[in-house]
Amino acid sequence: MKKIRFGCLVILSVVAISCGGGLTDEQRKKIKNEMETNQIKKISEAEITEATMTNGRRLAEILKTSVRADSLAQAENVKIKWLQAGQEDVTDMERQLIEAYLTQLTGGSMDNVQKIGTDSLLYTVPVIVKREDGVDEVKGIWSIYFTRKQIVLGI
């Protein structure tokens, strides 16, 4: 009986010594960062809309260069579509946006954010070109779909 108690005491001592509970500075920083990331924060709809606009504008600028939309979409984990008047494979909302951009061509910023359901946001921006007669014309529209979660985590 004494041998069993002594054996248990030795095993417990070894376990207690080996599991000293010490964390390295790197492990502490990682745990602290994860705790901060997982904190509940209240984010307003205005902040979500502004973050979507910022992200959409950034991606639209990249799309102005000769970057392929599908490569950018994959890299950024978004859905990017090029929309044009008369296009068949568009949703009702996309069709309405195309019509709105075509009929209300005015100067200034024309980008837009729409809520799609409860978990998606749609950023749209027209690509405007000047015709030879000097009139502005909508060549097409970039539409970029973001998930709400993606935008909130980016904030």
N, C-alpha and C. Protein backbone atom coordinates (compact mmCIF):
# COMPACT_ATOMS: atom_id res chain seq x y z
N MET A 1 0.82 -1.18 0.00
CA MET A 1 0.00 0.00 0.00
C MET A 1 0.87 1.26 0.00
N LYS A 2 1.96 1.26 0.77
CA LYS A 2 2.87 2.40 0.82
C LYS A 2 3.53 2.59 -0.54
N LYS A 3 3.83 1.48 -1.23
CA LYS A 3 4.48 1.57 -2.53
C LYS A 3 3.55 2.26 -3.54
N ILE A 4 2.25 1.95 -3.48
CA ILE A 4 1.28 2.53 -4.40
C ILE A 4 1.17 4.03 -4.14
N ARG A 5 1.07 4.41 -2.87
CA ARG A 5 0.98 5.83 -2.53
C ARG A 5 2.24 6.57 -2.95
N PHE A 6 3.38 5.96 -2.71
CA PHE A 6 4.65 6.58 -3.09
C PHE A 6 4.72 6.72 -4.61
N GLY A 7 4.27 5.70 -5.34
CA GLY A 7 4.27 5.73 -6.81
C GLY A 7 3.36 6.84 -7.33
N CYS A 8 2.17 6.95 -6.72
CA CYS A 8 1.23 8.00 -7.14
C CYS A 8 1.82 9.38 -6.85
N LEU A 9 2.47 9.51 -5.70
CA LEU A 9 3.09 10.78 -5.34
C LEU A 9 4.20 11.14 -6.32
N VAL A 10 4.99 10.18 -6.72
CA VAL A 10 6.08 10.43 -7.68
C VAL A 10 5.49 10.84 -9.03
N ILE A 11 4.46 10.13 -9.46
CA ILE A 11 3.84 10.44 -10.76
C ILE A 11 3.23 11.84 -10.73
N LEU A 12 2.51 12.18 -9.67
CA LEU A 12 1.93 13.51 -9.55
C LEU A 12 3.00 14.59 -9.51
N SER A 13 4.09 14.32 -8.85
CA SER A 13 5.19 15.29 -8.77
C SER A 13 5.79 15.53 -10.14
N VAL A 14 6.00 14.45 -10.88
CA VAL A 14 6.58 14.58 -12.23
C VAL A 14 5.63 15.37 -13.14
N VAL A 15 4.34 15.06 -13.06
CA VAL A 15 3.35 15.76 -13.88
C VAL A 15 3.31 17.23 -13.50
N ALA A 16 3.32 17.53 -12.23
CA ALA A 16 3.26 18.92 -11.76
C ALA A 16 4.50 19.70 -12.20
N ILE A 17 5.65 19.07 -12.15
CA ILE A 17 6.89 19.74 -12.55
C ILE A 17 6.92 19.96 -14.06
N SER A 18 6.51 18.93 -14.82
CA SER A 18 6.58 19.04 -16.28
C SER A 18 5.52 19.99 -16.83
N CYS A 19 4.43 20.16 -16.14
CA CYS A 19 3.36 21.07 -16.58
C CYS A 19 3.43 22.35 -15.78
N GLY A 20 4.55 22.97 -15.77
CA GLY A 20 4.77 24.16 -14.97
C GLY A 20 3.84 25.30 -15.31
N GLY A 21 3.17 25.24 -16.46
CA GLY A 21 2.21 26.28 -16.80
C GLY A 21 2.86 27.53 -17.36
N GLY A 22 4.14 27.51 -17.60
CA GLY A 22 4.81 28.67 -18.14
C GLY A 22 4.57 28.81 -19.64
N LEU A 23 4.25 30.03 -20.06
CA LEU A 23 4.05 30.31 -21.47
C LEU A 23 5.17 31.23 -21.94
N THR A 24 5.55 31.04 -23.18
CA THR A 24 6.55 31.94 -23.74
C THR A 24 5.87 33.27 -24.04
N ASP A 25 6.68 34.30 -24.25
CA ASP A 25 6.14 35.62 -24.58
C ASP A 25 5.33 35.56 -25.88
N GLU A 26 5.80 34.77 -26.83
CA GLU A 26 5.09 34.64 -28.11
C GLU A 26 3.71 34.00 -27.92
N GLN A 27 3.66 32.98 -27.06
CA GLN A 27 2.38 32.32 -26.79
C GLN A 27 1.42 33.27 -26.07
N ARG A 28 1.93 34.07 -25.14
CA ARG A 28 1.09 35.04 -24.44
C ARG A 28 0.52 36.08 -25.41
N LYS A 29 1.38 36.60 -26.33
CA LYS A 29 0.93 37.58 -27.32
C LYS A 29 -0.14 36.99 -28.22
N LYS A 30 0.05 35.75 -28.64
CA LYS A 30 -0.91 35.10 -29.52
C LYS A 30 -2.27 34.94 -28.81
N ILE A 31 -2.24 34.52 -27.56
CA ILE A 31 -3.48 34.36 -26.79
C ILE A 31 -4.15 35.72 -26.60
N LYS A 32 -3.38 36.75 -26.29
CA LYS A 32 -3.94 38.09 -26.10
C LYS A 32 -4.58 38.61 -27.39
N ASN A 33 -3.90 38.41 -28.53
CA ASN A 33 -4.46 38.84 -29.81
C ASN A 33 -5.75 38.11 -30.14
N GLU A 34 -5.80 36.82 -29.87
CA GLU A 34 -7.02 36.05 -30.13
C GLU A 34 -8.16 36.51 -29.21
N MET A 35 -7.84 36.84 -27.97
CA MET A 35 -8.87 37.33 -27.06
C MET A 35 -9.43 38.66 -27.55
N GLU A 36 -8.55 39.56 -28.04
CA GLU A 36 -8.99 40.85 -28.56
C GLU A 36 -9.84 40.66 -29.82
N THR A 37 -9.44 39.73 -30.68
CA THR A 37 -10.19 39.46 -31.91
C THR A 37 -11.58 38.92 -31.61
N ASN A 38 -11.69 38.12 -30.57
CA ASN A 38 -12.97 37.49 -30.25
C ASN A 38 -13.86 38.34 -29.34
N GLN A 39 -13.42 39.54 -29.01
CA GLN A 39 -14.26 40.41 -28.19
C GLN A 39 -15.49 40.84 -28.97
N ILE A 40 -16.58 40.96 -28.30
CA ILE A 40 -17.81 41.42 -28.93
C ILE A 40 -17.75 42.94 -29.04
N LYS A 41 -17.94 43.43 -30.28
CA LYS A 41 -17.92 44.86 -30.51
C LYS A 41 -19.19 45.23 -31.25
N LYS A 42 -19.74 46.37 -30.92
CA LYS A 42 -20.92 46.85 -31.61
C LYS A 42 -20.47 47.68 -32.80
N ILE A 43 -20.93 47.26 -33.98
CA ILE A 43 -20.58 47.95 -35.22
C ILE A 43 -21.86 48.43 -35.86
N SER A 44 -21.92 49.69 -36.20
CA SER A 44 -23.13 50.26 -36.78
C SER A 44 -23.24 49.92 -38.26
N GLU A 45 -24.45 50.05 -38.80
CA GLU A 45 -24.68 49.82 -40.23
C GLU A 45 -23.87 50.82 -41.06
N ALA A 46 -23.73 52.04 -40.54
CA ALA A 46 -22.96 53.05 -41.26
C ALA A 46 -21.49 52.64 -41.37
N GLU A 47 -20.94 52.07 -40.30
CA GLU A 47 -19.55 51.60 -40.34
C GLU A 47 -19.38 50.45 -41.32
N ILE A 48 -20.36 49.56 -41.36
CA ILE A 48 -20.32 48.42 -42.29
C ILE A 48 -20.40 48.93 -43.73
N THR A 49 -21.29 49.88 -43.98
CA THR A 49 -21.43 50.44 -45.32
C THR A 49 -20.15 51.16 -45.74
N GLU A 50 -19.58 51.94 -44.83
CA GLU A 50 -18.34 52.67 -45.13
C GLU A 50 -17.19 51.70 -45.41
N ALA A 51 -17.09 50.63 -44.63
CA ALA A 51 -16.03 49.64 -44.85
C ALA A 51 -16.23 48.93 -46.19
N THR A 52 -17.47 48.67 -46.55
CA THR A 52 -17.76 48.04 -47.85
C THR A 52 -17.37 48.99 -48.98
N MET A 53 -17.69 50.27 -48.83
CA MET A 53 -17.31 51.27 -49.84
C MET A 53 -15.78 51.33 -49.99
N THR A 54 -15.09 51.35 -48.87
CA THR A 54 -13.63 51.42 -48.90
C THR A 54 -13.05 50.19 -49.59
N ASN A 55 -13.51 49.02 -49.21
CA ASN A 55 -13.01 47.79 -49.84
C ASN A 55 -13.38 47.73 -51.31
N GLY A 56 -14.61 48.12 -51.64
CA GLY A 56 -15.04 48.12 -53.03
C GLY A 56 -14.23 49.07 -53.89
N ARG A 57 -13.98 50.27 -53.38
CA ARG A 57 -13.18 51.25 -54.12
C ARG A 57 -11.76 50.74 -54.34
N ARG A 58 -11.21 50.09 -53.32
CA ARG A 58 -9.86 49.54 -53.45
C ARG A 58 -9.82 48.50 -54.56
N LEU A 59 -10.79 47.60 -54.58
CA LEU A 59 -10.81 46.55 -55.60
C LEU A 59 -11.12 47.13 -56.99
N ALA A 60 -11.99 48.13 -57.05
CA ALA A 60 -12.31 48.77 -58.34
C ALA A 60 -11.07 49.44 -58.93
N GLU A 61 -10.25 50.04 -58.09
CA GLU A 61 -8.99 50.63 -58.56
C GLU A 61 -8.08 49.56 -59.14
N ILE A 62 -8.01 48.42 -58.48
CA ILE A 62 -7.19 47.32 -58.98
C ILE A 62 -7.73 46.82 -60.31
N LEU A 63 -9.05 46.78 -60.44
CA LEU A 63 -9.67 46.30 -61.68
C LEU A 63 -9.44 47.25 -62.86
N LYS A 64 -9.11 48.51 -62.59
CA LYS A 64 -8.81 49.45 -63.68
C LYS A 64 -7.56 49.05 -64.44
N THR A 65 -6.66 48.37 -63.75
CA THR A 65 -5.48 47.85 -64.44
C THR A 65 -5.91 46.57 -65.14
N SER A 66 -5.00 45.92 -65.76
CA SER A 66 -5.37 44.73 -66.55
C SER A 66 -5.43 43.46 -65.71
N VAL A 67 -5.76 43.59 -64.45
CA VAL A 67 -5.88 42.42 -63.57
C VAL A 67 -7.14 41.64 -63.96
N ARG A 68 -7.03 40.34 -63.97
CA ARG A 68 -8.20 39.51 -64.26
C ARG A 68 -9.13 39.48 -63.04
N ALA A 69 -10.40 39.70 -63.30
CA ALA A 69 -11.38 39.78 -62.22
C ALA A 69 -11.48 38.47 -61.46
N ASP A 70 -11.41 37.33 -62.16
CA ASP A 70 -11.54 36.05 -61.47
C ASP A 70 -10.36 35.79 -60.55
N SER A 71 -9.17 36.21 -60.94
CA SER A 71 -7.99 36.04 -60.07
C SER A 71 -8.10 36.92 -58.83
N LEU A 72 -8.54 38.15 -59.05
CA LEU A 72 -8.70 39.07 -57.92
C LEU A 72 -9.79 38.58 -56.99
N ALA A 73 -10.89 38.09 -57.55
CA ALA A 73 -12.00 37.58 -56.74
C ALA A 73 -11.53 36.42 -55.87
N GLN A 74 -10.75 35.54 -56.45
CA GLN A 74 -10.25 34.39 -55.68
C GLN A 74 -9.29 34.85 -54.60
N ALA A 75 -8.41 35.77 -54.92
CA ALA A 75 -7.42 36.25 -53.94
C ALA A 75 -8.09 36.99 -52.79
N GLU A 76 -9.17 37.73 -53.07
CA GLU A 76 -9.85 38.53 -52.06
C GLU A 76 -11.05 37.83 -51.43
N ASN A 77 -11.36 36.64 -51.93
CA ASN A 77 -12.50 35.86 -51.43
C ASN A 77 -13.83 36.62 -51.58
N VAL A 78 -14.04 37.17 -52.78
CA VAL A 78 -15.26 37.88 -53.13
C VAL A 78 -15.77 37.35 -54.47
N LYS A 79 -16.95 37.79 -54.85
CA LYS A 79 -17.49 37.47 -56.17
C LYS A 79 -17.52 38.76 -56.97
N ILE A 80 -16.92 38.75 -58.15
CA ILE A 80 -16.86 39.94 -58.99
C ILE A 80 -17.54 39.62 -60.33
N LYS A 81 -18.44 40.52 -60.75
CA LYS A 81 -19.11 40.35 -62.04
C LYS A 81 -19.01 41.64 -62.84
N TRP A 82 -18.87 41.49 -64.15
CA TRP A 82 -18.93 42.62 -65.07
C TRP A 82 -20.33 42.63 -65.67
N LEU A 83 -21.02 43.74 -65.52
CA LEU A 83 -22.40 43.85 -66.00
C LEU A 83 -22.48 44.87 -67.14
N GLN A 84 -23.30 44.53 -68.14
CA GLN A 84 -23.53 45.44 -69.25
C GLN A 84 -25.01 45.46 -69.59
N ALA A 85 -25.43 46.54 -70.22
CA ALA A 85 -26.83 46.66 -70.64
C ALA A 85 -27.17 45.52 -71.59
N GLY A 86 -28.34 44.93 -71.39
CA GLY A 86 -28.81 43.84 -72.25
C GLY A 86 -28.27 42.47 -71.88
N GLN A 87 -27.47 42.41 -70.86
CA GLN A 87 -26.90 41.12 -70.43
C GLN A 87 -28.01 40.24 -69.87
N GLU A 88 -27.97 38.96 -70.19
CA GLU A 88 -29.04 38.04 -69.81
C GLU A 88 -28.86 37.44 -68.41
N ASP A 89 -27.65 37.11 -68.04
CA ASP A 89 -27.40 36.37 -66.79
C ASP A 89 -27.22 37.30 -65.59
N VAL A 90 -28.20 38.16 -65.35
CA VAL A 90 -28.13 39.08 -64.21
C VAL A 90 -29.36 38.88 -63.33
N THR A 91 -29.21 39.24 -62.07
CA THR A 91 -30.34 39.18 -61.14
C THR A 91 -31.22 40.40 -61.36
N ASP A 92 -32.39 40.38 -60.77
CA ASP A 92 -33.30 41.53 -60.87
C ASP A 92 -32.65 42.80 -60.31
N MET A 93 -31.97 42.67 -59.18
CA MET A 93 -31.33 43.84 -58.58
C MET A 93 -30.23 44.37 -59.51
N GLU A 94 -29.43 43.47 -60.09
CA GLU A 94 -28.38 43.91 -61.00
C GLU A 94 -28.98 44.61 -62.22
N ARG A 95 -30.09 44.10 -62.73
CA ARG A 95 -30.75 44.72 -63.88
C ARG A 95 -31.23 46.13 -63.51
N GLN A 96 -31.79 46.28 -62.32
CA GLN A 96 -32.25 47.59 -61.87
C GLN A 96 -31.08 48.56 -61.72
N LEU A 97 -29.95 48.05 -61.21
CA LEU A 97 -28.77 48.91 -61.05
C LEU A 97 -28.23 49.35 -62.41
N ILE A 98 -28.21 48.44 -63.38
CA ILE A 98 -27.75 48.79 -64.73
C ILE A 98 -28.63 49.90 -65.28
N GLU A 99 -29.95 49.72 -65.19
CA GLU A 99 -30.88 50.73 -65.70
C GLU A 99 -30.71 52.08 -64.99
N ALA A 100 -30.50 52.02 -63.69
CA ALA A 100 -30.31 53.26 -62.93
C ALA A 100 -29.05 53.98 -63.37
N TYR A 101 -27.96 53.26 -63.54
CA TYR A 101 -26.71 53.89 -63.98
C TYR A 101 -26.85 54.45 -65.39
N LEU A 102 -27.58 53.76 -66.25
CA LEU A 102 -27.73 54.24 -67.62
C LEU A 102 -28.59 55.49 -67.71
N THR A 103 -29.59 55.60 -66.87
CA THR A 103 -30.51 56.74 -66.95
C THR A 103 -30.07 57.93 -66.10
N GLN A 104 -29.25 57.73 -65.10
CA GLN A 104 -28.88 58.81 -64.21
C GLN A 104 -27.39 59.10 -64.25
N LEU A 105 -26.87 59.22 -65.43
CA LEU A 105 -25.45 59.48 -65.60
C LEU A 105 -25.16 60.94 -65.22
N THR A 106 -24.52 61.10 -64.05
CA THR A 106 -24.16 62.44 -63.58
C THR A 106 -22.73 62.40 -63.11
N GLY A 107 -22.15 63.57 -62.90
CA GLY A 107 -20.78 63.65 -62.43
C GLY A 107 -20.67 63.24 -60.98
N GLY A 108 -19.46 63.14 -60.51
CA GLY A 108 -19.23 62.80 -59.11
C GLY A 108 -19.14 61.31 -58.88
N SER A 109 -19.12 60.95 -57.64
CA SER A 109 -19.00 59.55 -57.27
C SER A 109 -20.33 58.83 -57.49
N MET A 110 -20.28 57.73 -58.20
CA MET A 110 -21.51 57.00 -58.51
C MET A 110 -21.47 55.59 -57.95
N ASP A 111 -20.51 55.30 -57.10
CA ASP A 111 -20.48 53.95 -56.54
C ASP A 111 -21.60 53.80 -55.52
N ASN A 112 -21.92 52.54 -55.21
CA ASN A 112 -23.11 52.27 -54.43
C ASN A 112 -22.93 50.97 -53.65
N VAL A 113 -23.60 50.87 -52.50
CA VAL A 113 -23.62 49.64 -51.72
C VAL A 113 -25.07 49.26 -51.47
N GLN A 114 -25.39 48.00 -51.72
CA GLN A 114 -26.73 47.48 -51.48
C GLN A 114 -26.63 46.28 -50.55
N LYS A 115 -27.60 46.14 -49.67
CA LYS A 115 -27.70 44.93 -48.84
C LYS A 115 -28.37 43.86 -49.68
N ILE A 116 -27.82 42.66 -49.64
CA ILE A 116 -28.42 41.52 -50.32
C ILE A 116 -28.73 40.49 -49.23
N GLY A 117 -30.00 40.35 -48.90
CA GLY A 117 -30.39 39.45 -47.83
C GLY A 117 -29.82 39.93 -46.51
N THR A 118 -29.49 38.96 -45.65
CA THR A 118 -28.97 39.31 -44.33
C THR A 118 -27.46 39.15 -44.22
N ASP A 119 -26.84 38.48 -45.20
CA ASP A 119 -25.42 38.17 -45.03
C ASP A 119 -24.52 38.61 -46.19
N SER A 120 -25.03 39.39 -47.14
CA SER A 120 -24.21 39.82 -48.27
C SER A 120 -24.38 41.31 -48.53
N LEU A 121 -23.34 41.90 -49.11
CA LEU A 121 -23.35 43.30 -49.50
C LEU A 121 -22.84 43.38 -50.94
N LEU A 122 -23.47 44.24 -51.74
CA LEU A 122 -23.10 44.40 -53.14
C LEU A 122 -22.58 45.81 -53.36
N TYR A 123 -21.33 45.90 -53.80
CA TYR A 123 -20.74 47.18 -54.16
C TYR A 123 -20.75 47.26 -55.68
N THR A 124 -21.26 48.37 -56.23
CA THR A 124 -21.25 48.56 -57.67
C THR A 124 -20.64 49.90 -58.02
N VAL A 125 -19.96 49.93 -59.17
CA VAL A 125 -19.39 51.17 -59.67
C VAL A 125 -19.40 51.10 -61.20
N PRO A 126 -19.89 52.16 -61.85
CA PRO A 126 -19.90 52.14 -63.32
C PRO A 126 -18.53 52.49 -63.89
N VAL A 127 -18.26 51.96 -65.06
CA VAL A 127 -17.08 52.35 -65.82
C VAL A 127 -17.58 53.28 -66.92
N ILE A 128 -17.18 54.53 -66.83
CA ILE A 128 -17.68 55.56 -67.73
C ILE A 128 -16.58 55.95 -68.71
N VAL A 129 -16.95 56.00 -69.98
CA VAL A 129 -16.01 56.42 -71.02
C VAL A 129 -16.61 57.61 -71.78
N LYS A 130 -15.73 58.43 -72.33
CA LYS A 130 -16.19 59.57 -73.15
C LYS A 130 -16.21 59.10 -74.61
N ARG A 131 -17.36 59.32 -75.24
CA ARG A 131 -17.46 59.01 -76.65
C ARG A 131 -16.74 60.09 -77.45
N GLU A 132 -16.60 59.89 -78.76
CA GLU A 132 -15.93 60.86 -79.62
C GLU A 132 -16.65 62.21 -79.62
N ASP A 133 -17.97 62.18 -79.43
CA ASP A 133 -18.72 63.44 -79.43
C ASP A 133 -18.69 64.13 -78.06
N GLY A 134 -17.90 63.59 -77.12
CA GLY A 134 -17.72 64.22 -75.81
C GLY A 134 -18.74 63.84 -74.76
N VAL A 135 -19.67 62.97 -75.11
CA VAL A 135 -20.71 62.55 -74.18
C VAL A 135 -20.22 61.37 -73.35
N ASP A 136 -20.52 61.42 -72.05
CA ASP A 136 -20.16 60.30 -71.17
C ASP A 136 -21.09 59.13 -71.44
N GLU A 137 -20.52 57.93 -71.42
CA GLU A 137 -21.31 56.72 -71.66
C GLU A 137 -20.88 55.64 -70.67
N VAL A 138 -21.86 54.91 -70.15
CA VAL A 138 -21.55 53.81 -69.24
C VAL A 138 -21.15 52.61 -70.08
N LYS A 139 -19.89 52.22 -69.96
CA LYS A 139 -19.38 51.05 -70.70
C LYS A 139 -19.86 49.77 -70.05
N GLY A 140 -19.91 49.77 -68.73
CA GLY A 140 -20.33 48.61 -67.97
C GLY A 140 -20.24 48.92 -66.48
N ILE A 141 -20.54 47.91 -65.69
CA ILE A 141 -20.56 48.11 -64.24
C ILE A 141 -19.82 46.95 -63.58
N TRP A 142 -18.94 47.29 -62.66
CA TRP A 142 -18.32 46.26 -61.83
C TRP A 142 -19.23 46.05 -60.63
N SER A 143 -19.56 44.80 -60.35
CA SER A 143 -20.31 44.49 -59.13
C SER A 143 -19.46 43.53 -58.31
N ILE A 144 -19.29 43.87 -57.06
CA ILE A 144 -18.44 43.08 -56.16
C ILE A 144 -19.28 42.69 -54.95
N TYR A 145 -19.40 41.39 -54.75
CA TYR A 145 -20.19 40.85 -53.63
C TYR A 145 -19.26 40.53 -52.47
N PHE A 146 -19.58 41.09 -51.31
CA PHE A 146 -18.85 40.82 -50.07
C PHE A 146 -19.78 40.09 -49.11
N THR A 147 -19.21 39.27 -48.23
CA THR A 147 -20.02 38.72 -47.15
C THR A 147 -19.98 39.72 -46.00
N ARG A 148 -21.05 39.79 -45.28
CA ARG A 148 -21.14 40.69 -44.12
C ARG A 148 -20.06 40.33 -43.10
N LYS A 149 -19.86 39.05 -42.89
CA LYS A 149 -18.87 38.58 -41.93
C LYS A 149 -17.47 39.08 -42.31
N GLN A 150 -17.16 38.99 -43.59
CA GLN A 150 -15.86 39.44 -44.09
C GLN A 150 -15.64 40.92 -43.80
N ILE A 151 -16.67 41.72 -44.02
CA ILE A 151 -16.54 43.17 -43.77
C ILE A 151 -16.40 43.45 -42.27
N VAL A 152 -17.23 42.80 -41.47
CA VAL A 152 -17.19 43.02 -40.01
C VAL A 152 -15.84 42.60 -39.44
N LEU A 153 -15.32 41.48 -39.86
CA LEU A 153 -14.02 41.04 -39.35
C LEU A 153 -12.90 41.96 -39.80
N GLY A 154 -13.08 42.60 -40.96
CA GLY A 154 -12.08 43.55 -41.45
C GLY A 154 -12.06 44.85 -40.67
N ILE A 155 -13.17 45.15 -40.01
CA ILE A 155 -13.26 46.37 -39.20
C ILE A 155 -12.51 46.13 -37.91
